[in-house]
Amino acid sequence: MKIQEIREIIKLVDGSSIDEFSYEYEGVKVKMKKNGLGNAQQPSQTAIQEPQFANAEEMPTTKPAKETELIKPVIEEQTADLPGADSDYHKILSPMVGTFYESPSPDEAAYVQVGTKVTADQIVSIVEAMKLFNEIEAEVDGEIAEILVKDGQLVEYGQPLFLVKAN
């Protein structure tokens, strides 16, 4: 089970009226329990039991935390000091949480590279979410100044993917 799948489950459980959730698949066990609202001053939070993995290959490299701690720091870190992130550059942001791919398939060339001239409706990458491949367009006419993520990297909603020097 991937961290992203755990995050999705957390969102669903947190937004629902259920108080406890257990899931087991191929040796992976996930159990979540919302804290009770006995004390009105403490907000309800989703608790995560450490997933148990059948082998080391399935184990994620990061330890899950509260959902708000998983997403916000990533976006803040990656947008804080982008090189050349001034008014001459347009940031192409990820419209969703998913996996970034620079080419339509592993055996094909990347859609764009640094220095590639692009038009607003030109496809620059793909973000795969839940087995759906979503084409990402340049949004502006210009030149790719920087590619901010690596092929196969997990990306968050709103995370900058490219810097484009607008015409």
Protein backbone atom coordinates (compact mmCIF):
# COMPACT_ATOMS: atom_id res chain seq x y z
CA MET A 1 0.00 0.00 0.00
CA LYS A 2 1.37 3.39 -0.95
CA ILE A 3 1.44 6.46 1.26
CA GLN A 4 -0.86 8.22 -1.22
CA GLU A 5 -3.48 5.51 -0.80
CA ILE A 6 -3.26 5.92 2.97
CA ARG A 7 -3.71 9.69 2.59
CA GLU A 8 -6.83 9.18 0.48
CA ILE A 9 -8.28 6.83 3.09
CA ILE A 10 -7.54 9.39 5.82
CA LYS A 11 -9.41 12.08 3.88
CA LEU A 12 -12.41 9.83 3.35
CA VAL A 13 -12.57 8.71 6.98
CA ASP A 14 -12.03 12.25 8.30
CA GLY A 15 -14.84 13.62 6.12
CA SER A 16 -17.28 10.88 7.04
CA SER A 17 -19.37 10.20 10.12
CA ILE A 18 -17.65 6.90 10.95
CA ASP A 19 -15.47 6.80 14.08
CA GLU A 20 -13.31 3.76 13.34
CA PHE A 21 -11.94 2.16 10.17
CA SER A 22 -9.88 -1.02 9.63
CA TYR A 23 -8.42 -2.28 6.36
CA GLU A 24 -6.25 -5.30 5.55
CA TYR A 25 -4.93 -6.28 2.14
CA GLU A 26 -1.97 -8.48 1.15
CA GLY A 27 -0.40 -8.33 4.60
CA VAL A 28 -0.87 -4.58 5.04
CA LYS A 29 -3.06 -3.53 7.95
CA VAL A 30 -4.34 0.01 8.43
CA LYS A 31 -6.51 0.98 11.37
CA MET A 32 -7.82 4.50 11.95
CA LYS A 33 -9.83 5.79 14.84
CA LYS A 34 -11.22 9.28 15.39
CA ASN A 35 -10.85 10.71 18.88
CA GLY A 36 -14.14 11.20 20.69
CA LEU A 37 -15.67 14.64 21.14
CA GLY A 38 -16.02 14.28 24.92
CA ASN A 39 -14.17 17.55 25.48
CA ALA A 40 -15.65 20.30 23.29
CA GLN A 41 -12.39 22.27 23.29
CA GLN A 42 -10.39 19.54 21.56
CA PRO A 43 -11.13 19.04 17.83
CA SER A 44 -11.48 15.53 16.48
CA GLN A 45 -8.39 14.19 14.74
CA THR A 46 -7.76 11.02 12.77
CA ALA A 47 -5.32 8.63 14.42
CA ILE A 48 -3.18 6.27 12.38
CA GLN A 49 -1.90 2.92 13.55
CA GLU A 50 1.53 2.12 12.08
CA PRO A 51 0.90 -0.03 8.97
CA GLN A 52 2.33 -3.54 9.16
CA PHE A 53 4.18 -4.60 6.00
CA ALA A 54 4.83 -8.13 4.83
CA ASN A 55 8.25 -7.21 3.39
CA ALA A 56 10.64 -4.24 3.28
CA GLU A 57 9.76 -3.37 -0.35
CA GLU A 58 6.22 -2.35 0.63
CA MET A 59 7.35 -0.14 3.51
CA PRO A 60 7.21 3.61 2.71
CA THR A 61 10.29 5.70 3.38
CA THR A 62 8.37 8.32 5.34
CA LYS A 63 6.32 7.82 8.48
CA PRO A 64 2.66 8.95 8.23
CA ALA A 65 1.60 11.87 10.42
CA LYS A 66 -1.56 13.91 10.73
CA GLU A 67 -2.95 14.69 7.25
CA THR A 68 -2.40 18.44 7.60
CA GLU A 69 1.28 17.81 8.39
CA LEU A 70 1.67 15.67 5.26
CA ILE A 71 0.52 18.18 2.66
CA LYS A 72 1.11 21.75 3.82
CA PRO A 73 4.89 21.59 4.47
CA VAL A 74 5.55 20.06 1.06
CA ILE A 75 3.78 22.86 -0.80
CA GLU A 76 5.32 25.59 1.36
CA GLU A 77 8.85 24.21 0.95
CA GLN A 78 8.60 23.92 -2.80
CA THR A 79 7.10 27.36 -3.45
CA ALA A 80 9.17 29.39 -0.97
CA ASP A 81 12.41 30.03 -2.87
CA LEU A 82 11.97 28.89 -6.43
CA PRO A 83 14.83 30.15 -8.60
CA GLY A 84 13.58 32.80 -10.99
CA ALA A 85 10.11 32.77 -9.44
CA ASP A 86 9.34 36.39 -10.21
CA SER A 87 6.73 38.10 -12.38
CA ASP A 88 8.48 37.07 -15.65
CA TYR A 89 7.87 33.40 -14.87
CA HIS A 90 4.62 31.46 -14.85
CA LYS A 91 4.35 28.44 -12.52
CA ILE A 92 2.53 25.43 -13.93
CA LEU A 93 0.92 23.85 -10.86
CA SER A 94 -0.29 20.32 -10.35
CA PRO A 95 -4.10 20.30 -10.48
CA MET A 96 -4.25 17.18 -8.29
CA VAL A 97 -2.39 14.76 -6.08
CA GLY A 98 -0.73 12.06 -8.16
CA THR A 99 2.39 10.81 -9.92
CA PHE A 100 4.24 13.10 -12.34
CA TYR A 101 5.33 11.68 -15.70
CA GLU A 102 7.41 13.64 -18.20
CA SER A 103 6.52 11.44 -21.19
CA PRO A 104 3.46 9.59 -22.51
CA SER A 105 5.16 6.22 -21.94
CA PRO A 106 8.50 5.00 -20.56
CA ASP A 107 9.95 4.31 -24.03
CA GLU A 108 9.06 7.74 -25.48
CA ALA A 109 10.84 11.08 -25.19
CA ALA A 110 9.77 13.70 -22.64
CA TYR A 111 7.07 16.15 -23.72
CA VAL A 112 9.37 19.11 -22.93
CA GLN A 113 12.85 19.92 -21.69
CA VAL A 114 14.42 23.11 -20.35
CA GLY A 115 14.53 25.53 -23.27
CA THR A 116 11.54 24.05 -25.13
CA LYS A 117 9.22 26.68 -26.62
CA VAL A 118 5.60 25.97 -25.68
CA THR A 119 2.13 27.26 -26.51
CA ALA A 120 -0.67 27.66 -23.98
CA ASP A 121 -2.51 24.51 -25.09
CA GLN A 122 0.60 22.32 -25.48
CA ILE A 123 0.87 19.22 -23.25
CA VAL A 124 3.96 19.39 -21.03
CA SER A 125 3.45 16.35 -18.76
CA ILE A 126 1.01 13.87 -17.26
CA VAL A 127 -0.17 13.48 -13.67
CA GLU A 128 -1.58 10.04 -12.94
CA ALA A 129 -4.18 9.77 -10.18
CA MET A 130 -6.13 6.61 -9.43
CA LYS A 131 -5.18 4.97 -12.75
CA LEU A 132 -6.33 8.04 -14.75
CA PHE A 133 -3.70 9.89 -16.78
CA ASN A 134 -4.36 13.64 -16.79
CA GLU A 135 -2.56 15.75 -19.39
CA ILE A 136 -1.04 18.98 -18.06
CA GLU A 137 -0.95 21.93 -20.45
CA ALA A 138 1.52 24.83 -20.46
CA GLU A 139 -1.24 27.44 -19.82
CA VAL A 140 0.90 30.23 -21.36
CA ASP A 141 3.03 30.80 -24.44
CA GLY A 142 6.72 30.84 -23.58
CA GLU A 143 9.83 28.78 -22.89
CA ILE A 144 10.35 26.11 -20.24
CA ALA A 145 12.82 27.69 -17.79
CA GLU A 146 12.92 24.93 -15.20
CA ILE A 147 11.43 21.51 -14.49
CA LEU A 148 10.82 21.37 -10.73
CA VAL A 149 9.97 17.68 -10.28
CA LYS A 150 11.46 14.37 -11.40
CA ASP A 151 9.83 11.73 -13.55
CA GLY A 152 7.81 9.32 -11.38
CA GLN A 153 7.74 11.69 -8.39
CA LEU A 154 4.60 12.00 -6.26
CA VAL A 155 3.19 15.52 -6.45
CA GLU A 156 0.67 17.36 -4.31
CA TYR A 157 -2.25 19.55 -5.31
CA GLY A 158 -0.95 23.04 -6.14
CA GLN A 159 2.70 21.96 -6.24
CA PRO A 160 4.74 23.80 -8.92
CA LEU A 161 5.83 21.47 -11.73
CA PHE A 162 7.45 23.88 -14.20
CA LEU A 163 8.59 27.48 -14.49
CA VAL A 164 7.79 29.01 -17.89
CA LYS A 165 9.33 32.28 -19.07
CA ALA A 166 6.24 33.86 -20.57
CA ASN A 167 6.45 35.67 -23.94
